[in-house]
Amino acid sequence: MRLLHADDIAITVAKLCRRAAVCLPDDVRGALEASESIEESPVGRRVLRSLLENADIAREEGLPICQDTGMAVVFADMGVEVLLEGGTLEQAVNRGVARGYEEGWLRKSVVAHPLERCNTGDNAPAVIHLRQTEGDKLWLTVAPKGFGSENMTRLFMLNPTSGAEAVLEAAVRAVDEAGANPCPPVVVGIGLGGTAELALELSKRALLRPLGMPSARAATADLERRMLKKINDLGIGPAGLGGRVTALAVHLEEYPTHIAGLPMAVSISCHALRHAEAVL
């Protein structure tokens, strides 16, 4: 067994919160840059250039990429040989989020009760997804989620005999109905299978896959490609002002499901697909 202190987790999460808010991942910046060369709309190209300049200024000045620094979504993959001391994982992560948002001067957007709407003052608690893995390491990914895009999340309970075309149609419809709200160009994460709540989690995890990396399953990779084309054919374009580049990528993650159902979730990220990772 390997002992891991909760304080080390909190310190790491705090650093990841600050890094994710400020530094656009290289693969996302690369996708924006590549899109600039294929965007046919002059207005769309100017929007993409502005997004790239904004990302560069944020990194150079240590300022948030977007004023909505999101609700912290934390993915934790913990090895079976890791033993925590000094508190629970949840306590450590939430201390880290509070510290990171305070030290980074990041906007605190979390309310303690969904109806009473009183701000918690530290952006905690986070939403935590925990998985157990082999080994003695803890993999942490902090993915702040702004709610301009989060509000565009969709859950479909499709007919189990619907097939790939129904999945394609639902994904395109979700992006079309979202329009300019999620600040395109977007990245579309799709979760397919499991139960409703697992499909939603899968759709969030799909957003973490490096952009440009297709599914390892050939048929799924082909479906991703077709969905991306159909979405970009919508003409929503950068910032919703029209153009070829509505989405940078579509990623689909799958899981076995029940014979009587076909859950499908769509999570949309804005152009600032923010996440930062560390291994303890």
C-alpha atoms as a PDB file:
ATOM      1  CA  MET A   1       0.000   0.000   0.000  1.00  0.00           C
ATOM      2  CA  ARG A   2       1.059   3.596  -0.604  1.00  0.00           C
ATOM      3  CA  LEU A   3       0.040   6.373   1.765  1.00  0.00           C
ATOM      4  CA  LEU A   4      -1.160   9.591   0.178  1.00  0.00           C
ATOM      5  CA  HIS A   5      -1.979  12.573   2.355  1.00  0.00           C
ATOM      6  CA  ALA A   6      -5.128  14.559   1.735  1.00  0.00           C
ATOM      7  CA  ASP A   7      -3.132  17.796   1.932  1.00  0.00           C
ATOM      8  CA  ASP A   8      -1.118  16.765  -1.139  1.00  0.00           C
ATOM      9  CA  ILE A   9      -4.336  16.182  -3.044  1.00  0.00           C
ATOM     10  CA  ALA A  10      -5.710  19.574  -2.006  1.00  0.00           C
ATOM     11  CA  ILE A  11      -2.515  21.367  -3.072  1.00  0.00           C
ATOM     12  CA  THR A  12      -2.546  19.594  -6.443  1.00  0.00           C
ATOM     13  CA  VAL A  13      -6.223  20.318  -7.097  1.00  0.00           C
ATOM     14  CA  ALA A  14      -5.651  24.000  -6.283  1.00  0.00           C
ATOM     15  CA  LYS A  15      -2.843  24.185  -8.854  1.00  0.00           C
ATOM     16  CA  LEU A  16      -4.960  22.397 -11.460  1.00  0.00           C
ATOM     17  CA  CYS A  17      -7.874  24.800 -10.929  1.00  0.00           C
ATOM     18  CA  ARG A  18      -5.613  27.772 -11.606  1.00  0.00           C
ATOM     19  CA  ARG A  19      -3.893  26.150 -14.588  1.00  0.00           C
ATOM     20  CA  ALA A  20      -7.139  25.007 -16.211  1.00  0.00           C
ATOM     21  CA  ALA A  21      -8.662  28.480 -15.944  1.00  0.00           C
ATOM     22  CA  VAL A  22      -5.666  30.184 -17.542  1.00  0.00           C
ATOM     23  CA  CYS A  23      -3.967  27.783 -19.977  1.00  0.00           C
ATOM     24  CA  LEU A  24      -5.872  26.452 -22.962  1.00  0.00           C
ATOM     25  CA  PRO A  25      -4.623  22.885 -23.679  1.00  0.00           C
ATOM     26  CA  ASP A  26      -2.289  22.633 -26.667  1.00  0.00           C
ATOM     27  CA  ASP A  27      -4.581  20.287 -28.585  1.00  0.00           C
ATOM     28  CA  VAL A  28      -7.499  22.707 -28.283  1.00  0.00           C
ATOM     29  CA  ARG A  29      -5.412  25.666 -29.357  1.00  0.00           C
ATOM     30  CA  GLY A  30      -4.078  23.613 -32.270  1.00  0.00           C
ATOM     31  CA  ALA A  31      -7.613  22.742 -33.365  1.00  0.00           C
ATOM     32  CA  LEU A  32      -8.635  26.412 -33.300  1.00  0.00           C
ATOM     33  CA  GLU A  33      -5.573  27.332 -35.333  1.00  0.00           C
ATOM     34  CA  ALA A  34      -6.273  24.614 -37.912  1.00  0.00           C
ATOM     35  CA  SER A  35      -9.910  25.738 -38.136  1.00  0.00           C
ATOM     36  CA  GLU A  36      -8.860  29.263 -39.016  1.00  0.00           C
ATOM     37  CA  SER A  37      -7.349  28.006 -42.266  1.00  0.00           C
ATOM     38  CA  ILE A  38     -10.528  26.174 -43.353  1.00  0.00           C
ATOM     39  CA  GLU A  39     -13.145  28.685 -42.221  1.00  0.00           C
ATOM     40  CA  GLU A  40     -14.747  30.211 -45.313  1.00  0.00           C
ATOM     41  CA  SER A  41     -16.459  33.129 -43.587  1.00  0.00           C
ATOM     42  CA  PRO A  42     -14.319  36.281 -43.147  1.00  0.00           C
ATOM     43  CA  VAL A  43     -16.235  37.077 -39.947  1.00  0.00           C
ATOM     44  CA  GLY A  44     -15.690  33.513 -38.739  1.00  0.00           C
ATOM     45  CA  ARG A  45     -11.949  33.784 -39.377  1.00  0.00           C
ATOM     46  CA  ARG A  46     -11.798  37.030 -37.396  1.00  0.00           C
ATOM     47  CA  VAL A  47     -13.642  35.380 -34.506  1.00  0.00           C
ATOM     48  CA  LEU A  48     -11.220  32.444 -34.505  1.00  0.00           C
ATOM     49  CA  ARG A  49      -8.239  34.815 -34.592  1.00  0.00           C
ATOM     50  CA  SER A  50      -9.704  36.720 -31.624  1.00  0.00           C
ATOM     51  CA  LEU A  51     -10.170  33.479 -29.674  1.00  0.00           C
ATOM     52  CA  LEU A  52      -6.540  32.517 -30.307  1.00  0.00           C
ATOM     53  CA  GLU A  53      -5.314  35.957 -29.263  1.00  0.00           C
ATOM     54  CA  ASN A  54      -7.456  35.777 -26.133  1.00  0.00           C
ATOM     55  CA  ALA A  55      -6.002  32.372 -25.224  1.00  0.00           C
ATOM     56  CA  ASP A  56      -2.449  33.648 -25.731  1.00  0.00           C
ATOM     57  CA  ILE A  57      -3.028  36.751 -23.604  1.00  0.00           C
ATOM     58  CA  ALA A  58      -4.597  34.630 -20.853  1.00  0.00           C
ATOM     59  CA  ARG A  59      -1.551  32.352 -20.729  1.00  0.00           C
ATOM     60  CA  GLU A  60       0.973  35.199 -20.881  1.00  0.00           C
ATOM     61  CA  GLU A  61      -0.767  37.385 -18.301  1.00  0.00           C
ATOM     62  CA  GLY A  62      -1.974  34.583 -16.025  1.00  0.00           C
ATOM     63  CA  LEU A  63      -5.593  35.632 -16.464  1.00  0.00           C
ATOM     64  CA  PRO A  64      -8.678  33.434 -16.940  1.00  0.00           C
ATOM     65  CA  ILE A  65      -9.512  32.521 -20.540  1.00  0.00           C
ATOM     66  CA  CYS A  66     -13.172  33.303 -19.787  1.00  0.00           C
ATOM     67  CA  GLN A  67     -14.891  35.304 -17.058  1.00  0.00           C
ATOM     68  CA  ASP A  68     -17.039  32.241 -16.297  1.00  0.00           C
ATOM     69  CA  THR A  69     -14.457  30.089 -14.533  1.00  0.00           C
ATOM     70  CA  GLY A  70     -17.042  27.389 -14.166  1.00  0.00           C
ATOM     71  CA  MET A  71     -18.050  24.784 -11.652  1.00  0.00           C
ATOM     72  CA  ALA A  72     -15.150  22.437 -10.941  1.00  0.00           C
ATOM     73  CA  VAL A  73     -15.681  18.933 -12.303  1.00  0.00           C
ATOM     74  CA  VAL A  74     -12.984  16.588 -10.993  1.00  0.00           C
ATOM     75  CA  PHE A  75     -12.215  13.138 -12.374  1.00  0.00           C
ATOM     76  CA  ALA A  76     -10.240  10.981  -9.937  1.00  0.00           C
ATOM     77  CA  ASP A  77      -8.895   7.563 -10.931  1.00  0.00           C
ATOM     78  CA  MET A  78      -7.495   6.002  -7.763  1.00  0.00           C
ATOM     79  CA  GLY A  79      -5.286   2.922  -7.686  1.00  0.00           C
ATOM     80  CA  VAL A  80      -6.345   0.094  -5.395  1.00  0.00           C
ATOM     81  CA  GLU A  81      -3.007   0.336  -3.571  1.00  0.00           C
ATOM     82  CA  VAL A  82      -3.526   3.981  -2.555  1.00  0.00           C
ATOM     83  CA  LEU A  83      -4.450   4.597   1.078  1.00  0.00           C
ATOM     84  CA  LEU A  84      -5.575   8.098   2.020  1.00  0.00           C
ATOM     85  CA  GLU A  85      -4.673   9.735   5.304  1.00  0.00           C
ATOM     86  CA  GLY A  86      -5.681  13.107   6.705  1.00  0.00           C
ATOM     87  CA  GLY A  87      -9.218  13.145   5.318  1.00  0.00           C
ATOM     88  CA  THR A  88     -11.427  11.809   2.567  1.00  0.00           C
ATOM     89  CA  LEU A  89     -10.905  12.350  -1.128  1.00  0.00           C
ATOM     90  CA  GLU A  90     -14.021  14.541  -1.264  1.00  0.00           C
ATOM     91  CA  GLN A  91     -12.778  16.741   1.562  1.00  0.00           C
ATOM     92  CA  ALA A  92      -9.356  17.092  -0.048  1.00  0.00           C
ATOM     93  CA  VAL A  93     -10.734  17.953  -3.474  1.00  0.00           C
ATOM     94  CA  ASN A  94     -13.114  20.567  -2.093  1.00  0.00           C
ATOM     95  CA  ARG A  95     -10.363  22.178  -0.028  1.00  0.00           C
ATOM     96  CA  GLY A  96      -8.254  22.293  -3.157  1.00  0.00           C
ATOM     97  CA  VAL A  97     -11.012  23.876  -5.223  1.00  0.00           C
ATOM     98  CA  ALA A  98     -11.633  26.536  -2.573  1.00  0.00           C
ATOM     99  CA  ARG A  99      -7.925  27.293  -2.336  1.00  0.00           C
ATOM    100  CA  GLY A 100      -7.381  27.359  -6.090  1.00  0.00           C
ATOM    101  CA  TYR A 101     -10.279  29.710  -6.787  1.00  0.00           C
ATOM    102  CA  GLU A 102      -9.242  32.021  -3.950  1.00  0.00           C
ATOM    103  CA  GLU A 103      -5.533  32.145  -4.793  1.00  0.00           C
ATOM    104  CA  GLY A 104      -6.211  32.420  -8.523  1.00  0.00           C
ATOM    105  CA  TRP A 105      -8.752  35.221  -8.112  1.00  0.00           C
ATOM    106  CA  LEU A 106     -11.181  33.095 -10.107  1.00  0.00           C
ATOM    107  CA  ARG A 107     -14.890  33.905 -10.177  1.00  0.00           C
ATOM    108  CA  LYS A 108     -16.830  31.966  -7.576  1.00  0.00           C
ATOM    109  CA  SER A 109     -20.078  30.833  -9.162  1.00  0.00           C
ATOM    110  CA  VAL A 110     -21.386  27.982  -6.994  1.00  0.00           C
ATOM    111  CA  VAL A 111     -24.523  28.388  -4.881  1.00  0.00           C
ATOM    112  CA  ALA A 112     -25.163  26.269  -1.789  1.00  0.00           C
ATOM    113  CA  HIS A 113     -28.778  25.466  -2.620  1.00  0.00           C
ATOM    114  CA  PRO A 114     -30.198  25.241  -6.154  1.00  0.00           C
ATOM    115  CA  LEU A 115     -33.340  27.194  -5.186  1.00  0.00           C
ATOM    116  CA  GLU A 116     -32.169  29.578  -2.452  1.00  0.00           C
ATOM    117  CA  ARG A 117     -29.157  30.650  -4.597  1.00  0.00           C
ATOM    118  CA  CYS A 118     -26.784  31.743  -1.815  1.00  0.00           C
ATOM    119  CA  ASN A 119     -23.171  31.741  -3.062  1.00  0.00           C
ATOM    120  CA  THR A 120     -20.826  29.378  -1.183  1.00  0.00           C
ATOM    121  CA  GLY A 121     -18.053  31.972  -1.471  1.00  0.00           C
ATOM    122  CA  ASP A 122     -15.298  29.551  -2.512  1.00  0.00           C
ATOM    123  CA  ASN A 123     -16.664  27.707  -5.596  1.00  0.00           C
ATOM    124  CA  ALA A 124     -16.859  24.469  -3.620  1.00  0.00           C
ATOM    125  CA  PRO A 125     -18.170  21.843  -3.632  1.00  0.00           C
ATOM    126  CA  ALA A 126     -16.873  20.264  -6.808  1.00  0.00           C
ATOM    127  CA  VAL A 127     -18.591  17.553  -8.824  1.00  0.00           C
ATOM    128  CA  ILE A 128     -16.397  14.470  -8.355  1.00  0.00           C
ATOM    129  CA  HIS A 129     -16.283  11.331 -10.512  1.00  0.00           C
ATOM    130  CA  LEU A 130     -14.270   8.555  -8.831  1.00  0.00           C
ATOM    131  CA  ARG A 131     -13.060   5.332 -10.464  1.00  0.00           C
ATOM    132  CA  GLN A 132     -10.862   2.596  -9.028  1.00  0.00           C
ATOM    133  CA  THR A 133      -7.892   1.454 -11.100  1.00  0.00           C
ATOM    134  CA  GLU A 134      -4.865  -0.805 -10.747  1.00  0.00           C
ATOM    135  CA  GLY A 135      -1.658   0.399  -9.110  1.00  0.00           C
ATOM    136  CA  ASP A 136      -0.633   2.930  -6.486  1.00  0.00           C
ATOM    137  CA  LYS A 137      -1.244   6.243  -8.269  1.00  0.00           C
ATOM    138  CA  LEU A 138      -3.994   8.836  -8.211  1.00  0.00           C
ATOM    139  CA  TRP A 139      -4.835  10.473 -11.556  1.00  0.00           C
ATOM    140  CA  LEU A 140      -6.596  13.815 -11.204  1.00  0.00           C
ATOM    141  CA  THR A 141      -8.250  15.866 -13.934  1.00  0.00           C
ATOM    142  CA  VAL A 142      -9.884  19.202 -13.159  1.00  0.00           C
ATOM    143  CA  ALA A 143     -12.313  20.325 -15.867  1.00  0.00           C
ATOM    144  CA  PRO A 144     -14.079  23.622 -15.040  1.00  0.00           C
ATOM    145  CA  LYS A 145     -17.481  23.742 -16.763  1.00  0.00           C
ATOM    146  CA  GLY A 146     -19.053  27.075 -17.593  1.00  0.00           C
ATOM    147  CA  PHE A 147     -22.816  27.077 -17.710  1.00  0.00           C
ATOM    148  CA  GLY A 148     -23.315  28.775 -21.050  1.00  0.00           C
ATOM    149  CA  SER A 149     -22.414  25.400 -22.501  1.00  0.00           C
ATOM    150  CA  GLU A 150     -23.557  23.251 -19.560  1.00  0.00           C
ATOM    151  CA  ASN A 151     -27.114  24.536 -19.981  1.00  0.00           C
ATOM    152  CA  MET A 152     -27.105  23.045 -23.476  1.00  0.00           C
ATOM    153  CA  THR A 153     -26.637  19.475 -22.180  1.00  0.00           C
ATOM    154  CA  ARG A 154     -29.196  17.020 -23.529  1.00  0.00           C
ATOM    155  CA  LEU A 155     -30.324  13.533 -22.516  1.00  0.00           C
ATOM    156  CA  PHE A 156     -32.126  11.306 -25.005  1.00  0.00           C
ATOM    157  CA  MET A 157     -33.700   7.967 -24.153  1.00  0.00           C
ATOM    158  CA  LEU A 158     -33.736   6.536 -27.654  1.00  0.00           C
ATOM    159  CA  ASN A 159     -35.630   3.509 -28.885  1.00  0.00           C
ATOM    160  CA  PRO A 160     -33.296   0.502 -28.496  1.00  0.00           C
ATOM    161  CA  THR A 161     -33.719  -0.334 -32.175  1.00  0.00           C
ATOM    162  CA  SER A 162     -32.959   3.211 -33.344  1.00  0.00           C
ATOM    163  CA  GLY A 163     -29.456   2.570 -34.623  1.00  0.00           C
ATOM    164  CA  ALA A 164     -26.594   4.843 -35.594  1.00  0.00           C
ATOM    165  CA  GLU A 165     -28.654   7.203 -37.753  1.00  0.00           C
ATOM    166  CA  ALA A 166     -30.884   8.131 -34.813  1.00  0.00           C
ATOM    167  CA  VAL A 167     -27.787   8.839 -32.717  1.00  0.00           C
ATOM    168  CA  LEU A 168     -26.418  11.064 -35.475  1.00  0.00           C
ATOM    169  CA  GLU A 169     -29.722  12.900 -35.818  1.00  0.00           C
ATOM    170  CA  ALA A 170     -30.026  13.505 -32.055  1.00  0.00           C
ATOM    171  CA  ALA A 171     -26.476  14.857 -31.816  1.00  0.00           C
ATOM    172  CA  VAL A 172     -26.992  17.245 -34.712  1.00  0.00           C
ATOM    173  CA  ARG A 173     -30.340  18.380 -33.290  1.00  0.00           C
ATOM    174  CA  ALA A 174     -28.776  19.087 -29.887  1.00  0.00           C
ATOM    175  CA  VAL A 175     -26.102  21.336 -31.425  1.00  0.00           C
ATOM    176  CA  ASP A 176     -28.580  22.996 -33.769  1.00  0.00           C
ATOM    177  CA  GLU A 177     -30.933  23.853 -30.911  1.00  0.00           C
ATOM    178  CA  ALA A 178     -28.011  25.133 -28.814  1.00  0.00           C
ATOM    179  CA  GLY A 179     -27.091  27.599 -31.551  1.00  0.00           C
ATOM    180  CA  ALA A 180     -24.754  30.346 -30.358  1.00  0.00           C
ATOM    181  CA  ASN A 181     -25.448  29.745 -26.639  1.00  0.00           C
ATOM    182  CA  PRO A 182     -22.420  27.484 -25.920  1.00  0.00           C
ATOM    183  CA  CYS A 183     -19.962  29.915 -27.597  1.00  0.00           C
ATOM    184  CA  PRO A 184     -18.929  27.948 -30.701  1.00  0.00           C
ATOM    185  CA  PRO A 185     -16.820  26.495 -32.116  1.00  0.00           C
ATOM    186  CA  VAL A 186     -17.738  23.746 -29.699  1.00  0.00           C
ATOM    187  CA  VAL A 187     -16.500  20.298 -28.819  1.00  0.00           C
ATOM    188  CA  VAL A 188     -19.288  17.713 -28.590  1.00  0.00           C
ATOM    189  CA  GLY A 189     -19.030  14.856 -26.104  1.00  0.00           C
ATOM    190  CA  ILE A 190     -21.483  11.990 -26.450  1.00  0.00           C
ATOM    191  CA  GLY A 191     -22.172   9.191 -24.001  1.00  0.00           C
ATOM    192  CA  LEU A 192     -24.032   6.178 -25.362  1.00  0.00           C
ATOM    193  CA  GLY A 193     -25.288   3.248 -23.307  1.00  0.00           C
ATOM    194  CA  GLY A 194     -25.347   2.345 -19.649  1.00  0.00           C
ATOM    195  CA  THR A 195     -28.120   4.110 -17.776  1.00  0.00           C
ATOM    196  CA  ALA A 196     -29.168   7.747 -18.020  1.00  0.00           C
ATOM    197  CA  GLU A 197     -26.729   8.979 -15.372  1.00  0.00           C
ATOM    198  CA  LEU A 198     -23.828   6.955 -16.779  1.00  0.00           C
ATOM    199  CA  ALA A 199     -24.476   8.253 -20.295  1.00  0.00           C
ATOM    200  CA  LEU A 200     -24.191  11.781 -18.924  1.00  0.00           C
ATOM    201  CA  GLU A 201     -20.900  10.997 -17.190  1.00  0.00           C
ATOM    202  CA  LEU A 202     -19.558   9.335 -20.338  1.00  0.00           C
ATOM    203  CA  SER A 203     -20.412  12.430 -22.353  1.00  0.00           C
ATOM    204  CA  LYS A 204     -18.301  14.519 -19.965  1.00  0.00           C
ATOM    205  CA  ARG A 205     -15.410  12.058 -20.128  1.00  0.00           C
ATOM    206  CA  ALA A 206     -15.617  12.138 -23.927  1.00  0.00           C
ATOM    207  CA  LEU A 207     -14.678  15.827 -23.788  1.00  0.00           C
ATOM    208  CA  LEU A 208     -11.340  14.897 -22.186  1.00  0.00           C
ATOM    209  CA  ARG A 209     -10.117  12.835 -25.132  1.00  0.00           C
ATOM    210  CA  PRO A 210      -7.352  14.629 -27.066  1.00  0.00           C
ATOM    211  CA  LEU A 211      -8.883  16.482 -30.007  1.00  0.00           C
ATOM    212  CA  GLY A 212      -8.298  14.714 -33.279  1.00  0.00           C
ATOM    213  CA  MET A 213      -8.026  11.279 -31.637  1.00  0.00           C
ATOM    214  CA  PRO A 214     -10.876   9.144 -33.029  1.00  0.00           C
ATOM    215  CA  SER A 215     -12.533   6.282 -31.206  1.00  0.00           C
ATOM    216  CA  ALA A 216     -10.529   3.059 -31.224  1.00  0.00           C
ATOM    217  CA  ARG A 217     -13.592   1.301 -32.661  1.00  0.00           C
ATOM    218  CA  ALA A 218     -13.719   1.826 -36.433  1.00  0.00           C
ATOM    219  CA  ALA A 219     -17.521   2.033 -36.706  1.00  0.00           C
ATOM    220  CA  THR A 220     -17.672   4.551 -33.868  1.00  0.00           C
ATOM    221  CA  ALA A 221     -14.876   6.630 -35.388  1.00  0.00           C
ATOM    222  CA  ASP A 222     -16.823   6.733 -38.648  1.00  0.00           C
ATOM    223  CA  LEU A 223     -19.951   7.866 -36.799  1.00  0.00           C
ATOM    224  CA  GLU A 224     -17.943  10.611 -35.061  1.00  0.00           C
ATOM    225  CA  ARG A 225     -16.670  11.793 -38.429  1.00  0.00           C
ATOM    226  CA  ARG A 226     -20.152  11.867 -39.956  1.00  0.00           C
ATOM    227  CA  MET A 227     -21.596  13.715 -36.968  1.00  0.00           C
ATOM    228  CA  LEU A 228     -18.854  16.342 -37.159  1.00  0.00           C
ATOM    229  CA  LYS A 229     -19.555  16.936 -40.851  1.00  0.00           C
ATOM    230  CA  LYS A 230     -23.306  17.219 -40.319  1.00  0.00           C
ATOM    231  CA  ILE A 231     -22.821  19.606 -37.402  1.00  0.00           C
ATOM    232  CA  ASN A 232     -20.469  21.819 -39.378  1.00  0.00           C
ATOM    233  CA  ASP A 233     -22.923  21.808 -42.268  1.00  0.00           C
ATOM    234  CA  LEU A 234     -25.405  23.584 -39.960  1.00  0.00           C
ATOM    235  CA  GLY A 235     -23.613  26.849 -40.690  1.00  0.00           C
ATOM    236  CA  ILE A 236     -23.796  28.173 -37.106  1.00  0.00           C
ATOM    237  CA  GLY A 237     -20.112  29.064 -37.266  1.00  0.00           C
ATOM    238  CA  PRO A 238     -17.729  30.729 -34.795  1.00  0.00           C
ATOM    239  CA  ALA A 239     -19.622  32.733 -32.150  1.00  0.00           C
ATOM    240  CA  GLY A 240     -22.837  31.790 -33.958  1.00  0.00           C
ATOM    241  CA  LEU A 241     -22.162  34.382 -36.662  1.00  0.00           C
ATOM    242  CA  GLY A 242     -22.205  31.903 -39.522  1.00  0.00           C
ATOM    243  CA  GLY A 243     -19.487  29.824 -41.114  1.00  0.00           C
ATOM    244  CA  ARG A 244     -18.071  26.384 -41.681  1.00  0.00           C
ATOM    245  CA  VAL A 245     -16.556  25.719 -38.241  1.00  0.00           C
ATOM    246  CA  THR A 246     -19.318  25.086 -35.713  1.00  0.00           C
ATOM    247  CA  ALA A 247     -17.537  22.197 -33.956  1.00  0.00           C
ATOM    248  CA  LEU A 248     -13.874  21.318 -33.546  1.00  0.00           C
ATOM    249  CA  ALA A 249     -14.511  17.656 -32.765  1.00  0.00           C
ATOM    250  CA  VAL A 250     -17.132  15.072 -31.835  1.00  0.00           C
ATOM    251  CA  HIS A 251     -16.114  12.362 -29.372  1.00  0.00           C
ATOM    252  CA  LEU A 252     -18.347   9.398 -28.556  1.00  0.00           C
ATOM    253  CA  GLU A 253     -17.855   7.054 -25.585  1.00  0.00           C
ATOM    254  CA  GLU A 254     -19.883   3.842 -25.275  1.00  0.00           C
ATOM    255  CA  TYR A 255     -20.894   1.370 -22.563  1.00  0.00           C
ATOM    256  CA  PRO A 256     -23.053  -1.787 -22.497  1.00  0.00           C
ATOM    257  CA  THR A 257     -26.729  -1.115 -21.854  1.00  0.00           C
ATOM    258  CA  HIS A 258     -30.087  -2.810 -21.233  1.00  0.00           C
ATOM    259  CA  ILE A 259     -31.986  -4.621 -23.982  1.00  0.00           C
ATOM    260  CA  ALA A 260     -34.937  -2.240 -23.575  1.00  0.00           C
ATOM    261  CA  GLY A 261     -33.123   1.081 -23.832  1.00  0.00           C
ATOM    262  CA  LEU A 262     -30.559   3.272 -25.576  1.00  0.00           C
ATOM    263  CA  PRO A 263     -29.550   6.196 -23.330  1.00  0.00           C
ATOM    264  CA  MET A 264     -27.689   8.961 -25.108  1.00  0.00           C
ATOM    265  CA  ALA A 265     -26.275  12.130 -23.545  1.00  0.00           C
ATOM    266  CA  VAL A 266     -24.755  15.136 -25.292  1.00  0.00           C
ATOM    267  CA  SER A 267     -22.376  17.455 -23.429  1.00  0.00           C
ATOM    268  CA  ILE A 268     -21.190  20.516 -25.277  1.00  0.00           C
ATOM    269  CA  SER A 269     -18.057  22.461 -24.434  1.00  0.00           C
ATOM    270  CA  CYS A 270     -17.433  26.018 -25.549  1.00  0.00           C
ATOM    271  CA  HIS A 271     -14.309  26.897 -27.562  1.00  0.00           C
ATOM    272  CA  ALA A 272     -12.403  27.048 -24.260  1.00  0.00           C
ATOM    273  CA  LEU A 273     -12.332  23.317 -23.502  1.00  0.00           C
ATOM    274  CA  ARG A 274     -10.519  23.703 -20.185  1.00  0.00           C
ATOM    275  CA  HIS A 275      -8.911  20.870 -18.263  1.00  0.00           C
ATOM    276  CA  ALA A 276      -5.645  20.165 -16.452  1.00  0.00           C
ATOM    277  CA  GLU A 277      -4.217  16.855 -15.239  1.00  0.00           C
ATOM    278  CA  ALA A 278      -1.739  15.539 -12.673  1.00  0.00           C
ATOM    279  CA  VAL A 279      -0.634  12.185 -11.289  1.00  0.00           C
ATOM    280  CA  LEU A 280       0.186  11.673  -7.605  1.00  0.00           C
END
